[in-house]
Amino acid sequence: MSDIDERIIEEFRANAGQVGGQLAALKGEERDRTWATVVQHYPVFGDYEKTAGIRTIPVVELTRVHSGRE
């Protein structure tokens, strides 16, 4: 994952109230399994991956933070 991706994730974590949850970058087999599921349901992402060249598209997991207002 690139430095800019890490900085963006850290920025979202620092501003968790704006996104409503915690972000975690998926890595390795977990990232690959999740990406395969995304592409299976939304094939356009697979097309996009082909245009990305050698760059690995980051996959993040958003975990809901319960606000007590639900």
Protein backbone atom coordinates (compact mmCIF):
# COMPACT_ATOMS: atom_id res chain seq x y z
CA MET A 1 0.00 0.00 0.00
CA SER A 2 1.31 3.43 -0.86
CA ASP A 3 2.15 6.14 1.66
CA ILE A 4 -0.76 8.25 0.41
CA ASP A 5 -3.20 5.38 1.00
CA GLU A 6 -1.89 5.00 4.56
CA ARG A 7 -2.24 8.76 5.16
CA ILE A 8 -5.81 8.75 3.87
CA ILE A 9 -6.74 5.83 6.11
CA GLU A 10 -5.16 7.55 9.12
CA GLU A 11 -7.06 10.75 8.29
CA PHE A 12 -10.36 8.84 8.21
CA ARG A 13 -9.51 7.18 11.52
CA ALA A 14 -8.75 10.56 13.07
CA ASN A 15 -12.14 11.85 11.87
CA ALA A 16 -14.18 8.74 12.66
CA GLY A 17 -17.28 10.81 13.42
CA GLN A 18 -17.42 11.91 9.79
CA VAL A 19 -17.39 8.41 8.38
CA GLY A 20 -19.27 6.70 11.19
CA GLY A 21 -16.78 3.95 11.81
CA GLN A 22 -13.26 2.62 11.92
CA LEU A 23 -11.27 1.84 8.78
CA ALA A 24 -8.75 -0.95 8.41
CA ALA A 25 -6.69 -1.72 5.33
CA LEU A 26 -7.05 -5.38 4.36
CA LYS A 27 -3.84 -7.14 3.42
CA GLY A 28 -2.70 -10.44 1.97
CA GLU A 29 -5.18 -13.28 1.56
CA GLU A 30 -7.97 -11.39 3.34
CA ARG A 31 -7.63 -8.49 0.88
CA ASP A 32 -7.51 -10.87 -2.10
CA ARG A 33 -10.63 -12.81 -0.98
CA THR A 34 -12.56 -9.60 -0.37
CA TRP A 35 -11.46 -8.13 -3.70
CA ALA A 36 -12.55 -11.30 -5.53
CA THR A 37 -16.00 -11.03 -3.92
CA VAL A 38 -16.28 -7.36 -4.91
CA VAL A 39 -15.33 -8.17 -8.52
CA GLN A 40 -17.80 -11.07 -8.59
CA HIS A 41 -20.66 -8.74 -7.61
CA TYR A 42 -19.41 -5.65 -9.47
CA PRO A 43 -17.43 -6.76 -12.55
CA VAL A 44 -16.64 -3.16 -13.49
CA PHE A 45 -14.08 -3.15 -10.67
CA GLY A 46 -12.28 -6.01 -12.39
CA ASP A 47 -12.16 -3.93 -15.56
CA TYR A 48 -10.73 -1.05 -13.56
CA GLU A 49 -8.10 -3.33 -12.04
CA LYS A 50 -6.85 -4.20 -15.53
CA THR A 51 -6.20 -0.51 -16.23
CA ALA A 52 -4.33 -0.05 -12.93
CA GLY A 53 -1.24 -1.82 -14.23
CA ILE A 54 1.01 -3.12 -11.46
CA ARG A 55 -0.71 -1.03 -8.79
CA THR A 56 -2.67 -3.02 -6.22
CA ILE A 57 -6.03 -1.40 -5.55
CA PRO A 58 -6.44 -0.91 -1.80
CA VAL A 59 -9.37 -2.56 -0.03
CA VAL A 60 -10.55 -1.17 3.29
CA GLU A 61 -13.04 -2.47 5.80
CA LEU A 62 -15.36 -0.03 7.55
CA THR A 63 -16.60 -1.12 10.97
CA ARG A 64 -19.63 0.67 12.36
CA VAL A 65 -19.20 2.50 15.61
CA HIS A 66 -22.43 2.39 17.60
CA SER A 67 -23.44 5.92 18.54
CA GLY A 68 -26.25 4.96 20.87
CA ARG A 69 -28.72 6.78 18.60
CA GLU A 70 -29.93 3.63 16.84
